Amino acid sequence: MSSPSQPAPARKSFALLGRSHSLDPTRHAVRKDLADVRLADQVFAPHYAAPLRRQILATTELRAERTSDSPRLAILAAGDPFDMLDVTGDTAWGVATVTGLVGYVDAAALGDVA
């Protein structure tokens, strides 16, 4: 409780300014449940993740979805950096920084940055 000599604490408020728009999920790391923290000023998400830099260990496919039969977005070469945002089971989701594409890779294809 504030006294007459102390000002009341400032209230923080947020407003949606402008129209909402959809971001391309192959170019922006946004899902229904999670978004890259670097996009926090552009999109509201239930959770944000900070990217964890990893390195592609062996040539692998970047896929649009978790399943192996989903469309292939790119082929990633050994040594390419990958900003991992989520790992579920044997699949990692994140940003292939060389191409700028967002998708899923086999988690076993990722290693620590040398």
PDB file of N, CA and C in Angstrom:
ATOM      1  N   MET A   1       0.838  -1.165   0.000  1.00  0.00           N
ATOM      2  CA  MET A   1       0.000   0.000   0.000  1.00  0.00           C
ATOM      3  C   MET A   1       0.883   1.227   0.000  1.00  0.00           C
ATOM      4  N   SER A   2       0.572   2.211  -0.815  1.00  0.00           N
ATOM      5  CA  SER A   2       1.397   3.413  -0.884  1.00  0.00           C
ATOM      6  C   SER A   2       0.845   4.490   0.025  1.00  0.00           C
ATOM      7  N   SER A   3       1.767   5.240   0.563  1.00  0.00           N
ATOM      8  CA  SER A   3       1.373   6.357   1.425  1.00  0.00           C
ATOM      9  C   SER A   3       1.284   7.611   0.573  1.00  0.00           C
ATOM     10  N   PRO A   4       0.706   8.703   1.118  1.00  0.00           N
ATOM     11  CA  PRO A   4       0.582   9.927   0.336  1.00  0.00           C
ATOM     12  C   PRO A   4       1.924  10.462  -0.151  1.00  0.00           C
ATOM     13  N   SER A   5       3.012  10.170   0.555  1.00  0.00           N
ATOM     14  CA  SER A   5       4.318  10.673   0.131  1.00  0.00           C
ATOM     15  C   SER A   5       4.975   9.776  -0.919  1.00  0.00           C
ATOM     16  N   GLN A   6       4.485   8.546  -1.077  1.00  0.00           N
ATOM     17  CA  GLN A   6       5.052   7.630  -2.059  1.00  0.00           C
ATOM     18  C   GLN A   6       4.078   7.463  -3.216  1.00  0.00           C
ATOM     19  N   PRO A   7       4.589   7.606  -4.418  1.00  0.00           N
ATOM     20  CA  PRO A   7       3.696   7.407  -5.575  1.00  0.00           C
ATOM     21  C   PRO A   7       3.322   5.931  -5.718  1.00  0.00           C
ATOM     22  N   ALA A   8       2.180   5.695  -6.281  1.00  0.00           N
ATOM     23  CA  ALA A   8       1.739   4.319  -6.548  1.00  0.00           C
ATOM     24  C   ALA A   8       2.662   3.702  -7.588  1.00  0.00           C
ATOM     25  N   PRO A   9       2.918   2.409  -7.499  1.00  0.00           N
ATOM     26  CA  PRO A   9       3.780   1.778  -8.496  1.00  0.00           C
ATOM     27  C   PRO A   9       3.181   1.912  -9.890  1.00  0.00           C
ATOM     28  N   ALA A  10       4.054   2.108 -10.848  1.00  0.00           N
ATOM     29  CA  ALA A  10       3.608   2.242 -12.237  1.00  0.00           C
ATOM     30  C   ALA A  10       3.039   0.914 -12.721  1.00  0.00           C
ATOM     31  N   ARG A  11       1.962   0.976 -13.449  1.00  0.00           N
ATOM     32  CA  ARG A  11       1.364  -0.224 -14.027  1.00  0.00           C
ATOM     33  C   ARG A  11       1.913  -0.416 -15.430  1.00  0.00           C
ATOM     34  N   LYS A  12       2.204  -1.648 -15.722  1.00  0.00           N
ATOM     35  CA  LYS A  12       2.672  -1.969 -17.062  1.00  0.00           C
ATOM     36  C   LYS A  12       1.485  -2.447 -17.873  1.00  0.00           C
ATOM     37  N   SER A  13       1.417  -1.986 -19.090  1.00  0.00           N
ATOM     38  CA  SER A  13       0.351  -2.449 -19.965  1.00  0.00           C
ATOM     39  C   SER A  13       0.934  -2.728 -21.337  1.00  0.00           C
ATOM     40  N   PHE A  14       0.268  -3.576 -22.060  1.00  0.00           N
ATOM     41  CA  PHE A  14       0.697  -3.951 -23.388  1.00  0.00           C
ATOM     42  C   PHE A  14      -0.485  -3.760 -24.323  1.00  0.00           C
ATOM     43  N   ALA A  15      -0.189  -3.336 -25.514  1.00  0.00           N
ATOM     44  CA  ALA A  15      -1.242  -3.141 -26.504  1.00  0.00           C
ATOM     45  C   ALA A  15      -0.790  -3.724 -27.828  1.00  0.00           C
ATOM     46  N   LEU A  16      -1.703  -4.335 -28.509  1.00  0.00           N
ATOM     47  CA  LEU A  16      -1.433  -4.825 -29.848  1.00  0.00           C
ATOM     48  C   LEU A  16      -1.605  -3.648 -30.785  1.00  0.00           C
ATOM     49  N   LEU A  17      -0.534  -3.253 -31.391  1.00  0.00           N
ATOM     50  CA  LEU A  17      -0.568  -2.124 -32.310  1.00  0.00           C
ATOM     51  C   LEU A  17      -0.528  -2.644 -33.739  1.00  0.00           C
ATOM     52  N   GLY A  18      -1.483  -2.244 -34.527  1.00  0.00           N
ATOM     53  CA  GLY A  18      -1.520  -2.694 -35.912  1.00  0.00           C
ATOM     54  C   GLY A  18      -2.190  -4.050 -36.050  1.00  0.00           C
ATOM     55  N   ARG A  19      -2.236  -4.499 -37.271  1.00  0.00           N
ATOM     56  CA  ARG A  19      -2.877  -5.774 -37.571  1.00  0.00           C
ATOM     57  C   ARG A  19      -1.957  -6.937 -37.260  1.00  0.00           C
ATOM     58  N   SER A  20      -2.554  -8.032 -36.848  1.00  0.00           N
ATOM     59  CA  SER A  20      -1.806  -9.263 -36.673  1.00  0.00           C
ATOM     60  C   SER A  20      -1.548  -9.862 -38.045  1.00  0.00           C
ATOM     61  N   HIS A  21      -0.439 -10.543 -38.171  1.00  0.00           N
ATOM     62  CA  HIS A  21      -0.167 -11.222 -39.431  1.00  0.00           C
ATOM     63  C   HIS A  21       0.555 -12.529 -39.141  1.00  0.00           C
ATOM     64  N   SER A  22       0.402 -13.453 -40.044  1.00  0.00           N
ATOM     65  CA  SER A  22       1.040 -14.759 -39.892  1.00  0.00           C
ATOM     66  C   SER A  22       2.471 -14.685 -40.390  1.00  0.00           C
ATOM     67  N   LEU A  23       3.344 -15.379 -39.685  1.00  0.00           N
ATOM     68  CA  LEU A  23       4.730 -15.472 -40.111  1.00  0.00           C
ATOM     69  C   LEU A  23       4.942 -16.806 -40.812  1.00  0.00           C
ATOM     70  N   ASP A  24       5.770 -16.820 -41.827  1.00  0.00           N
ATOM     71  CA  ASP A  24       6.075 -18.030 -42.577  1.00  0.00           C
ATOM     72  C   ASP A  24       6.846 -18.992 -41.673  1.00  0.00           C
ATOM     73  N   PRO A  25       6.289 -20.168 -41.353  1.00  0.00           N
ATOM     74  CA  PRO A  25       6.956 -21.090 -40.435  1.00  0.00           C
ATOM     75  C   PRO A  25       8.247 -21.695 -40.992  1.00  0.00           C
ATOM     76  N   THR A  26       8.519 -21.547 -42.282  1.00  0.00           N
ATOM     77  CA  THR A  26       9.791 -22.032 -42.814  1.00  0.00           C
ATOM     78  C   THR A  26      10.875 -20.957 -42.742  1.00  0.00           C
ATOM     79  N   ARG A  27      10.484 -19.731 -42.434  1.00  0.00           N
ATOM     80  CA  ARG A  27      11.436 -18.613 -42.327  1.00  0.00           C
ATOM     81  C   ARG A  27      11.496 -18.004 -40.929  1.00  0.00           C
ATOM     82  N   HIS A  28      10.472 -18.261 -40.122  1.00  0.00           N
ATOM     83  CA  HIS A  28      10.399 -17.736 -38.761  1.00  0.00           C
ATOM     84  C   HIS A  28      10.137 -18.890 -37.799  1.00  0.00           C
ATOM     85  N   ALA A  29      10.948 -18.991 -36.765  1.00  0.00           N
ATOM     86  CA  ALA A  29      10.846 -20.100 -35.816  1.00  0.00           C
ATOM     87  C   ALA A  29       9.690 -19.882 -34.852  1.00  0.00           C
ATOM     88  N   VAL A  30       8.487 -20.169 -35.363  1.00  0.00           N
ATOM     89  CA  VAL A  30       7.255 -19.992 -34.592  1.00  0.00           C
ATOM     90  C   VAL A  30       6.373 -21.219 -34.794  1.00  0.00           C
ATOM     91  N   ARG A  31       5.961 -21.805 -33.682  1.00  0.00           N
ATOM     92  CA  ARG A  31       4.967 -22.874 -33.696  1.00  0.00           C
ATOM     93  C   ARG A  31       3.833 -22.443 -32.771  1.00  0.00           C
ATOM     94  N   LYS A  32       2.775 -23.257 -32.707  1.00  0.00           N
ATOM     95  CA  LYS A  32       1.653 -22.929 -31.813  1.00  0.00           C
ATOM     96  C   LYS A  32       2.079 -22.921 -30.349  1.00  0.00           C
ATOM     97  N   ASP A  33       3.069 -23.747 -30.016  1.00  0.00           N
ATOM     98  CA  ASP A  33       3.473 -23.901 -28.618  1.00  0.00           C
ATOM     99  C   ASP A  33       4.770 -23.191 -28.254  1.00  0.00           C
ATOM    100  N   LEU A  34       5.538 -22.742 -29.237  1.00  0.00           N
ATOM    101  CA  LEU A  34       6.889 -22.262 -28.958  1.00  0.00           C
ATOM    102  C   LEU A  34       7.360 -21.304 -30.046  1.00  0.00           C
ATOM    103  N   ALA A  35       8.166 -20.322 -29.646  1.00  0.00           N
ATOM    104  CA  ALA A  35       8.765 -19.404 -30.610  1.00  0.00           C
ATOM    105  C   ALA A  35      10.189 -19.073 -30.189  1.00  0.00           C
ATOM    106  N   ASP A  36      10.987 -18.734 -31.151  1.00  0.00           N
ATOM    107  CA  ASP A  36      12.351 -18.277 -30.904  1.00  0.00           C
ATOM    108  C   ASP A  36      12.273 -16.964 -30.131  1.00  0.00           C
ATOM    109  N   VAL A  37      13.023 -16.848 -29.056  1.00  0.00           N
ATOM    110  CA  VAL A  37      12.983 -15.641 -28.224  1.00  0.00           C
ATOM    111  C   VAL A  37      13.380 -14.401 -29.034  1.00  0.00           C
ATOM    112  N   ARG A  38      14.145 -14.578 -30.091  1.00  0.00           N
ATOM    113  CA  ARG A  38      14.532 -13.444 -30.940  1.00  0.00           C
ATOM    114  C   ARG A  38      13.341 -12.837 -31.673  1.00  0.00           C
ATOM    115  N   LEU A  39      12.191 -13.537 -31.659  1.00  0.00           N
ATOM    116  CA  LEU A  39      10.978 -13.026 -32.304  1.00  0.00           C
ATOM    117  C   LEU A  39       9.966 -12.476 -31.300  1.00  0.00           C
ATOM    118  N   ALA A  40      10.361 -12.336 -30.042  1.00  0.00           N
ATOM    119  CA  ALA A  40       9.427 -11.922 -28.989  1.00  0.00           C
ATOM    120  C   ALA A  40       8.792 -10.566 -29.257  1.00  0.00           C
ATOM    121  N   ASP A  41       9.455  -9.701 -29.992  1.00  0.00           N
ATOM    122  CA  ASP A  41       8.872  -8.396 -30.295  1.00  0.00           C
ATOM    123  C   ASP A  41       7.931  -8.437 -31.498  1.00  0.00           C
ATOM    124  N   GLN A  42       7.833  -9.606 -32.152  1.00  0.00           N
ATOM    125  CA  GLN A  42       6.989  -9.728 -33.338  1.00  0.00           C
ATOM    126  C   GLN A  42       5.799 -10.661 -33.176  1.00  0.00           C
ATOM    127  N   VAL A  43       5.886 -11.576 -32.204  1.00  0.00           N
ATOM    128  CA  VAL A  43       4.854 -12.597 -32.090  1.00  0.00           C
ATOM    129  C   VAL A  43       4.639 -12.953 -30.624  1.00  0.00           C
ATOM    130  N   PHE A  44       3.392 -13.230 -30.283  1.00  0.00           N
ATOM    131  CA  PHE A  44       3.063 -13.701 -28.944  1.00  0.00           C
ATOM    132  C   PHE A  44       3.025 -15.218 -28.981  1.00  0.00           C
ATOM    133  N   ALA A  45       3.680 -15.858 -28.018  1.00  0.00           N
ATOM    134  CA  ALA A  45       3.699 -17.314 -27.945  1.00  0.00           C
ATOM    135  C   ALA A  45       3.580 -17.752 -26.498  1.00  0.00           C
ATOM    136  N   PRO A  46       3.048 -18.947 -26.249  1.00  0.00           N
ATOM    137  CA  PRO A  46       2.952 -19.440 -24.872  1.00  0.00           C
ATOM    138  C   PRO A  46       4.320 -19.618 -24.212  1.00  0.00           C
ATOM    139  N   HIS A  47       5.325 -19.967 -25.023  1.00  0.00           N
ATOM    140  CA  HIS A  47       6.679 -20.175 -24.518  1.00  0.00           C
ATOM    141  C   HIS A  47       7.677 -19.665 -25.548  1.00  0.00           C
ATOM    142  N   TYR A  48       8.824 -19.213 -25.051  1.00  0.00           N
ATOM    143  CA  TYR A  48       9.921 -18.789 -25.910  1.00  0.00           C
ATOM    144  C   TYR A  48      11.147 -19.618 -25.555  1.00  0.00           C
ATOM    145  N   ALA A  49      11.985 -19.887 -26.544  1.00  0.00           N
ATOM    146  CA  ALA A  49      13.216 -20.634 -26.322  1.00  0.00           C
ATOM    147  C   ALA A  49      14.392 -19.848 -26.874  1.00  0.00           C
ATOM    148  N   ALA A  50      15.478 -19.862 -26.133  1.00  0.00           N
ATOM    149  CA  ALA A  50      16.726 -19.267 -26.617  1.00  0.00           C
ATOM    150  C   ALA A  50      17.440 -20.322 -27.461  1.00  0.00           C
ATOM    151  N   PRO A  51      17.960 -19.938 -28.611  1.00  0.00           N
ATOM    152  CA  PRO A  51      18.617 -20.913 -29.468  1.00  0.00           C
ATOM    153  C   PRO A  51      19.905 -21.439 -28.846  1.00  0.00           C
ATOM    154  N   LEU A  52      20.148 -22.711 -29.065  1.00  0.00           N
ATOM    155  CA  LEU A  52      21.359 -23.375 -28.612  1.00  0.00           C
ATOM    156  C   LEU A  52      22.133 -23.756 -29.872  1.00  0.00           C
ATOM    157  N   ARG A  53      23.281 -23.141 -30.082  1.00  0.00           N
ATOM    158  CA  ARG A  53      24.045 -23.385 -31.316  1.00  0.00           C
ATOM    159  C   ARG A  53      24.608 -24.801 -31.315  1.00  0.00           C
ATOM    160  N   ARG A  54      24.304 -25.524 -32.368  1.00  0.00           N
ATOM    161  CA  ARG A  54      24.806 -26.869 -32.592  1.00  0.00           C
ATOM    162  C   ARG A  54      25.444 -26.912 -33.981  1.00  0.00           C
ATOM    163  N   GLN A  55      26.103 -28.032 -34.272  1.00  0.00           N
ATOM    164  CA  GLN A  55      26.751 -28.210 -35.565  1.00  0.00           C
ATOM    165  C   GLN A  55      26.252 -29.506 -36.181  1.00  0.00           C
ATOM    166  N   ILE A  56      25.996 -29.465 -37.482  1.00  0.00           N
ATOM    167  CA  ILE A  56      25.584 -30.663 -38.201  1.00  0.00           C
ATOM    168  C   ILE A  56      26.798 -31.590 -38.309  1.00  0.00           C
ATOM    169  N   LEU A  57      26.654 -32.839 -37.852  1.00  0.00           N
ATOM    170  CA  LEU A  57      27.765 -33.790 -37.842  1.00  0.00           C
ATOM    171  C   LEU A  57      27.938 -34.498 -39.185  1.00  0.00           C
ATOM    172  N   ALA A  58      26.835 -34.813 -39.833  1.00  0.00           N
ATOM    173  CA  ALA A  58      26.862 -35.499 -41.129  1.00  0.00           C
ATOM    174  C   ALA A  58      25.713 -34.962 -41.967  1.00  0.00           C
ATOM    175  N   THR A  59      25.869 -34.991 -43.268  1.00  0.00           N
ATOM    176  CA  THR A  59      24.835 -34.484 -44.166  1.00  0.00           C
ATOM    177  C   THR A  59      23.472 -35.031 -43.746  1.00  0.00           C
ATOM    178  N   THR A  60      22.500 -34.128 -43.636  1.00  0.00           N
ATOM    179  CA  THR A  60      21.162 -34.522 -43.191  1.00  0.00           C
ATOM    180  C   THR A  60      20.119 -33.631 -43.863  1.00  0.00           C
ATOM    181  N   GLU A  61      18.877 -34.062 -43.792  1.00  0.00           N
ATOM    182  CA  GLU A  61      17.771 -33.311 -44.389  1.00  0.00           C
ATOM    183  C   GLU A  61      17.098 -32.426 -43.349  1.00  0.00           C
ATOM    184  N   LEU A  62      16.735 -31.238 -43.759  1.00  0.00           N
ATOM    185  CA  LEU A  62      15.895 -30.348 -42.964  1.00  0.00           C
ATOM    186  C   LEU A  62      14.480 -30.536 -43.487  1.00  0.00           C
ATOM    187  N   ARG A  63      13.560 -30.929 -42.608  1.00  0.00           N
ATOM    188  CA  ARG A  63      12.189 -31.240 -43.000  1.00  0.00           C
ATOM    189  C   ARG A  63      11.206 -30.217 -42.437  1.00  0.00           C
ATOM    190  N   ALA A  64      10.085 -30.075 -43.122  1.00  0.00           N
ATOM    191  CA  ALA A  64       9.048 -29.122 -42.702  1.00  0.00           C
ATOM    192  C   ALA A  64       8.311 -29.590 -41.452  1.00  0.00           C
ATOM    193  N   GLU A  65       8.195 -30.910 -41.276  1.00  0.00           N
ATOM    194  CA  GLU A  65       7.491 -31.495 -40.131  1.00  0.00           C
ATOM    195  C   GLU A  65       8.361 -32.568 -39.489  1.00  0.00           C
ATOM    196  N   ARG A  66       7.906 -33.089 -38.348  1.00  0.00           N
ATOM    197  CA  ARG A  66       8.665 -34.119 -37.626  1.00  0.00           C
ATOM    198  C   ARG A  66       8.792 -35.431 -38.391  1.00  0.00           C
ATOM    199  N   THR A  67       7.809 -35.756 -39.184  1.00  0.00           N
ATOM    200  CA  THR A  67       7.788 -37.057 -39.848  1.00  0.00           C
ATOM    201  C   THR A  67       8.803 -37.142 -40.986  1.00  0.00           C
ATOM    202  N   SER A  68       9.346 -38.327 -41.187  1.00  0.00           N
ATOM    203  CA  SER A  68      10.364 -38.519 -42.222  1.00  0.00           C
ATOM    204  C   SER A  68       9.816 -38.394 -43.638  1.00  0.00           C
ATOM    205  N   ASP A  69       8.494 -38.486 -43.794  1.00  0.00           N
ATOM    206  CA  ASP A  69       7.912 -38.355 -45.129  1.00  0.00           C
ATOM    207  C   ASP A  69       7.414 -36.939 -45.426  1.00  0.00           C
ATOM    208  N   SER A  70       7.708 -35.990 -44.534  1.00  0.00           N
ATOM    209  CA  SER A  70       7.281 -34.605 -44.776  1.00  0.00           C
ATOM    210  C   SER A  70       8.194 -33.962 -45.824  1.00  0.00           C
ATOM    211  N   PRO A  71       7.762 -32.862 -46.408  1.00  0.00           N
ATOM    212  CA  PRO A  71       8.568 -32.221 -47.452  1.00  0.00           C
ATOM    213  C   PRO A  71       9.964 -31.821 -46.956  1.00  0.00           C
ATOM    214  N   ARG A  72      10.950 -32.066 -47.812  1.00  0.00           N
ATOM    215  CA  ARG A  72      12.324 -31.681 -47.504  1.00  0.00           C
ATOM    216  C   ARG A  72      12.509 -30.217 -47.871  1.00  0.00           C
ATOM    217  N   LEU A  73      13.036 -29.442 -46.942  1.00  0.00           N
ATOM    218  CA  LEU A  73      13.287 -28.024 -47.183  1.00  0.00           C
ATOM    219  C   LEU A  73      14.695 -27.773 -47.714  1.00  0.00           C
ATOM    220  N   ALA A  74      15.652 -28.568 -47.225  1.00  0.00           N
ATOM    221  CA  ALA A  74      17.046 -28.372 -47.627  1.00  0.00           C
ATOM    222  C   ALA A  74      17.874 -29.572 -47.209  1.00  0.00           C
ATOM    223  N   ILE A  75      19.047 -29.669 -47.789  1.00  0.00           N
ATOM    224  CA  ILE A  75      20.067 -30.625 -47.367  1.00  0.00           C
ATOM    225  C   ILE A  75      21.102 -29.810 -46.608  1.00  0.00           C
ATOM    226  N   LEU A  76      21.396 -30.218 -45.386  1.00  0.00           N
ATOM    227  CA  LEU A  76      22.378 -29.517 -44.565  1.00  0.00           C
ATOM    228  C   LEU A  76      23.681 -30.309 -44.574  1.00  0.00           C
ATOM    229  N   ALA A  77      24.783 -29.619 -44.767  1.00  0.00           N
ATOM    230  CA  ALA A  77      26.091 -30.262 -44.867  1.00  0.00           C
ATOM    231  C   ALA A  77      26.757 -30.378 -43.505  1.00  0.00           C
ATOM    232  N   ALA A  78      27.639 -31.359 -43.390  1.00  0.00           N
ATOM    233  CA  ALA A  78      28.433 -31.507 -42.166  1.00  0.00           C
ATOM    234  C   ALA A  78      29.192 -30.209 -41.918  1.00  0.00           C
ATOM    235  N   GLY A  79      29.155 -29.772 -40.673  1.00  0.00           N
ATOM    236  CA  GLY A  79      29.827 -28.533 -40.293  1.00  0.00           C
ATOM    237  C   GLY A  79      28.928 -27.317 -40.275  1.00  0.00           C
ATOM    238  N   ASP A  80      27.756 -27.412 -40.906  1.00  0.00           N
ATOM    239  CA  ASP A  80      26.825 -26.276 -40.903  1.00  0.00           C
ATOM    240  C   ASP A  80      26.331 -26.009 -39.481  1.00  0.00           C
ATOM    241  N   PRO A  81      26.158 -24.739 -39.113  1.00  0.00           N
ATOM    242  CA  PRO A  81      25.581 -24.422 -37.804  1.00  0.00           C
ATOM    243  C   PRO A  81      24.063 -24.607 -37.819  1.00  0.00           C
ATOM    244  N   PHE A  82      23.517 -24.944 -36.661  1.00  0.00           N
ATOM    245  CA  PHE A  82      22.075 -25.137 -36.503  1.00  0.00           C
ATOM    246  C   PHE A  82      21.691 -24.568 -35.144  1.00  0.00           C
ATOM    247  N   ASP A  83      20.755 -23.630 -35.119  1.00  0.00           N
ATOM    248  CA  ASP A  83      20.267 -23.049 -33.869  1.00  0.00           C
ATOM    249  C   ASP A  83      19.089 -23.870 -33.370  1.00  0.00           C
ATOM    250  N   MET A  84      19.360 -24.785 -32.438  1.00  0.00           N
ATOM    251  CA  MET A  84      18.345 -25.691 -31.923  1.00  0.00           C
ATOM    252  C   MET A  84      17.463 -24.978 -30.896  1.00  0.00           C
ATOM    253  N   LEU A  85      16.155 -25.145 -31.051  1.00  0.00           N
ATOM    254  CA  LEU A  85      15.182 -24.531 -30.146  1.00  0.00           C
ATOM    255  C   LEU A  85      14.390 -25.554 -29.335  1.00  0.00           C
ATOM    256  N   ASP A  86      14.312 -26.793 -29.829  1.00  0.00           N
ATOM    257  CA  ASP A  86      13.533 -27.823 -29.144  1.00  0.00           C
ATOM    258  C   ASP A  86      14.013 -29.195 -29.591  1.00  0.00           C
ATOM    259  N   VAL A  87      13.997 -30.137 -28.662  1.00  0.00           N
ATOM    260  CA  VAL A  87      14.268 -31.542 -28.975  1.00  0.00           C
ATOM    261  C   VAL A  87      13.148 -32.354 -28.360  1.00  0.00           C
ATOM    262  N   THR A  88      12.499 -33.155 -29.189  1.00  0.00           N
ATOM    263  CA  THR A  88      11.456 -34.061 -28.730  1.00  0.00           C
ATOM    264  C   THR A  88      11.759 -35.431 -29.314  1.00  0.00           C
ATOM    265  N   GLY A  89      12.044 -36.381 -28.429  1.00  0.00           N
ATOM    266  CA  GLY A  89      12.407 -37.713 -28.904  1.00  0.00           C
ATOM    267  C   GLY A  89      13.695 -37.654 -29.685  1.00  0.00           C
ATOM    268  N   ASP A  90      13.660 -38.150 -30.914  1.00  0.00           N
ATOM    269  CA  ASP A  90      14.866 -38.170 -31.740  1.00  0.00           C
ATOM    270  C   ASP A  90      14.883 -37.062 -32.794  1.00  0.00           C
ATOM    271  N   THR A  91      14.040 -36.043 -32.610  1.00  0.00           N
ATOM    272  CA  THR A  91      13.927 -34.961 -33.581  1.00  0.00           C
ATOM    273  C   THR A  91      14.197 -33.615 -32.921  1.00  0.00           C
ATOM    274  N   ALA A  92      14.993 -32.788 -33.596  1.00  0.00           N
ATOM    275  CA  ALA A  92      15.278 -31.432 -33.118  1.00  0.00           C
ATOM    276  C   ALA A  92      14.642 -30.427 -34.069  1.00  0.00           C
ATOM    277  N   TRP A  93      14.182 -29.314 -33.505  1.00  0.00           N
ATOM    278  CA  TRP A  93      13.563 -28.244 -34.285  1.00  0.00           C
ATOM    279  C   TRP A  93      14.388 -26.978 -34.108  1.00  0.00           C
ATOM    280  N   GLY A  94      14.615 -26.276 -35.203  1.00  0.00           N
ATOM    281  CA  GLY A  94      15.377 -25.043 -35.094  1.00  0.00           C
ATOM    282  C   GLY A  94      15.635 -24.396 -36.444  1.00  0.00           C
ATOM    283  N   VAL A  95      16.666 -23.548 -36.458  1.00  0.00           N
ATOM    284  CA  VAL A  95      16.991 -22.735 -37.633  1.00  0.00           C
ATOM    285  C   VAL A  95      18.320 -23.193 -38.228  1.00  0.00           C
ATOM    286  N   ALA A  96      18.289 -23.537 -39.506  1.00  0.00           N
ATOM    287  CA  ALA A  96      19.517 -23.821 -40.247  1.00  0.00           C
ATOM    288  C   ALA A  96      20.084 -22.459 -40.641  1.00  0.00           C
ATOM    289  N   THR A  97      21.091 -22.009 -39.940  1.00  0.00           N
ATOM    290  CA  THR A  97      21.528 -20.618 -40.095  1.00  0.00           C
ATOM    291  C   THR A  97      22.121 -20.297 -41.461  1.00  0.00           C
ATOM    292  N   VAL A  98      22.672 -21.274 -42.155  1.00  0.00           N
ATOM    293  CA  VAL A  98      23.233 -21.019 -43.483  1.00  0.00           C
ATOM    294  C   VAL A  98      22.136 -20.650 -44.479  1.00  0.00           C
ATOM    295  N   THR A  99      21.004 -21.361 -44.416  1.00  0.00           N
ATOM    296  CA  THR A  99      19.909 -21.114 -45.357  1.00  0.00           C
ATOM    297  C   THR A  99      18.853 -20.170 -44.786  1.00  0.00           C
ATOM    298  N   GLY A 100      18.807 -20.059 -43.455  1.00  0.00           N
ATOM    299  CA  GLY A 100      17.766 -19.262 -42.811  1.00  0.00           C
ATOM    300  C   GLY A 100      16.441 -19.992 -42.701  1.00  0.00           C
ATOM    301  N   LEU A 101      16.420 -21.266 -43.088  1.00  0.00           N
ATOM    302  CA  LEU A 101      15.186 -22.040 -43.049  1.00  0.00           C
ATOM    303  C   LEU A 101      14.976 -22.677 -41.676  1.00  0.00           C
ATOM    304  N   VAL A 102      13.714 -22.841 -41.320  1.00  0.00           N
ATOM    305  CA  VAL A 102      13.327 -23.424 -40.035  1.00  0.00           C
ATOM    306  C   VAL A 102      12.710 -24.787 -40.285  1.00  0.00           C
ATOM    307  N   GLY A 103      13.128 -25.768 -39.501  1.00  0.00           N
ATOM    308  CA  GLY A 103      12.556 -27.084 -39.673  1.00  0.00           C
ATOM    309  C   GLY A 103      13.100 -28.083 -38.682  1.00  0.00           C
ATOM    310  N   TYR A 104      12.891 -29.351 -39.015  1.00  0.00           N
ATOM    311  CA  TYR A 104      13.234 -30.474 -38.139  1.00  0.00           C
ATOM    312  C   TYR A 104      14.385 -31.278 -38.739  1.00  0.00           C
ATOM    313  N   VAL A 105      15.285 -31.716 -37.848  1.00  0.00           N
ATOM    314  CA  VAL A 105      16.380 -32.595 -38.244  1.00  0.00           C
ATOM    315  C   VAL A 105      16.462 -33.752 -37.254  1.00  0.00           C
ATOM    316  N   ASP A 106      17.147 -34.795 -37.661  1.00  0.00           N
ATOM    317  CA  ASP A 106      17.407 -35.918 -36.765  1.00  0.00           C
ATOM    318  C   ASP A 106      18.351 -35.415 -35.672  1.00  0.00           C
ATOM    319  N   ALA A 107      17.959 -35.542 -34.424  1.00  0.00           N
ATOM    320  CA  ALA A 107      18.771 -35.040 -33.312  1.00  0.00           C
ATOM    321  C   ALA A 107      20.154 -35.689 -33.270  1.00  0.00           C
ATOM    322  N   ALA A 108      20.260 -36.930 -33.741  1.00  0.00           N
ATOM    323  CA  ALA A 108      21.549 -37.606 -33.756  1.00  0.00           C
ATOM    324  C   ALA A 108      22.534 -36.959 -34.740  1.00  0.00           C
ATOM    325  N   ALA A 109      22.036 -36.140 -35.650  1.00  0.00           N
ATOM    326  CA  ALA A 109      22.892 -35.459 -36.626  1.00  0.00           C
ATOM    327  C   ALA A 109      23.511 -34.187 -36.058  1.00  0.00           C
ATOM    328  N   LEU A 110      23.178 -33.845 -34.802  1.00  0.00           N
ATOM    329  CA  LEU A 110      23.677 -32.611 -34.193  1.00  0.00           C
ATOM    330  C   LEU A 110      24.748 -32.895 -33.151  1.00  0.00           C
ATOM    331  N   GLY A 111      25.741 -32.030 -33.114  1.00  0.00           N
ATOM    332  CA  GLY A 111      26.785 -32.130 -32.110  1.00  0.00           C
ATOM    333  C   GLY A 111      27.142 -30.760 -31.588  1.00  0.00           C
ATOM    334  N   ASP A 112      27.981 -30.734 -30.570  1.00  0.00           N
ATOM    335  CA  ASP A 112      28.447 -29.463 -30.032  1.00  0.00           C
ATOM    336  C   ASP A 112      29.285 -28.733 -31.077  1.00  0.00           C
ATOM    337  N   VAL A 113      29.283 -27.418 -30.976  1.00  0.00           N
ATOM    338  CA  VAL A 113      30.087 -26.601 -31.887  1.00  0.00           C
ATOM    339  C   VAL A 113      31.555 -26.808 -31.551  1.00  0.00           C
ATOM    340  N   ALA A 114      32.350 -27.069 -32.575  1.00  0.00           N
ATOM    341  CA  ALA A 114      33.786 -27.325 -32.361  1.00  0.00           C
ATOM    342  C   ALA A 114      34.507 -26.051 -31.962  1.00  0.00           C
TER     343      ALA A 114
END
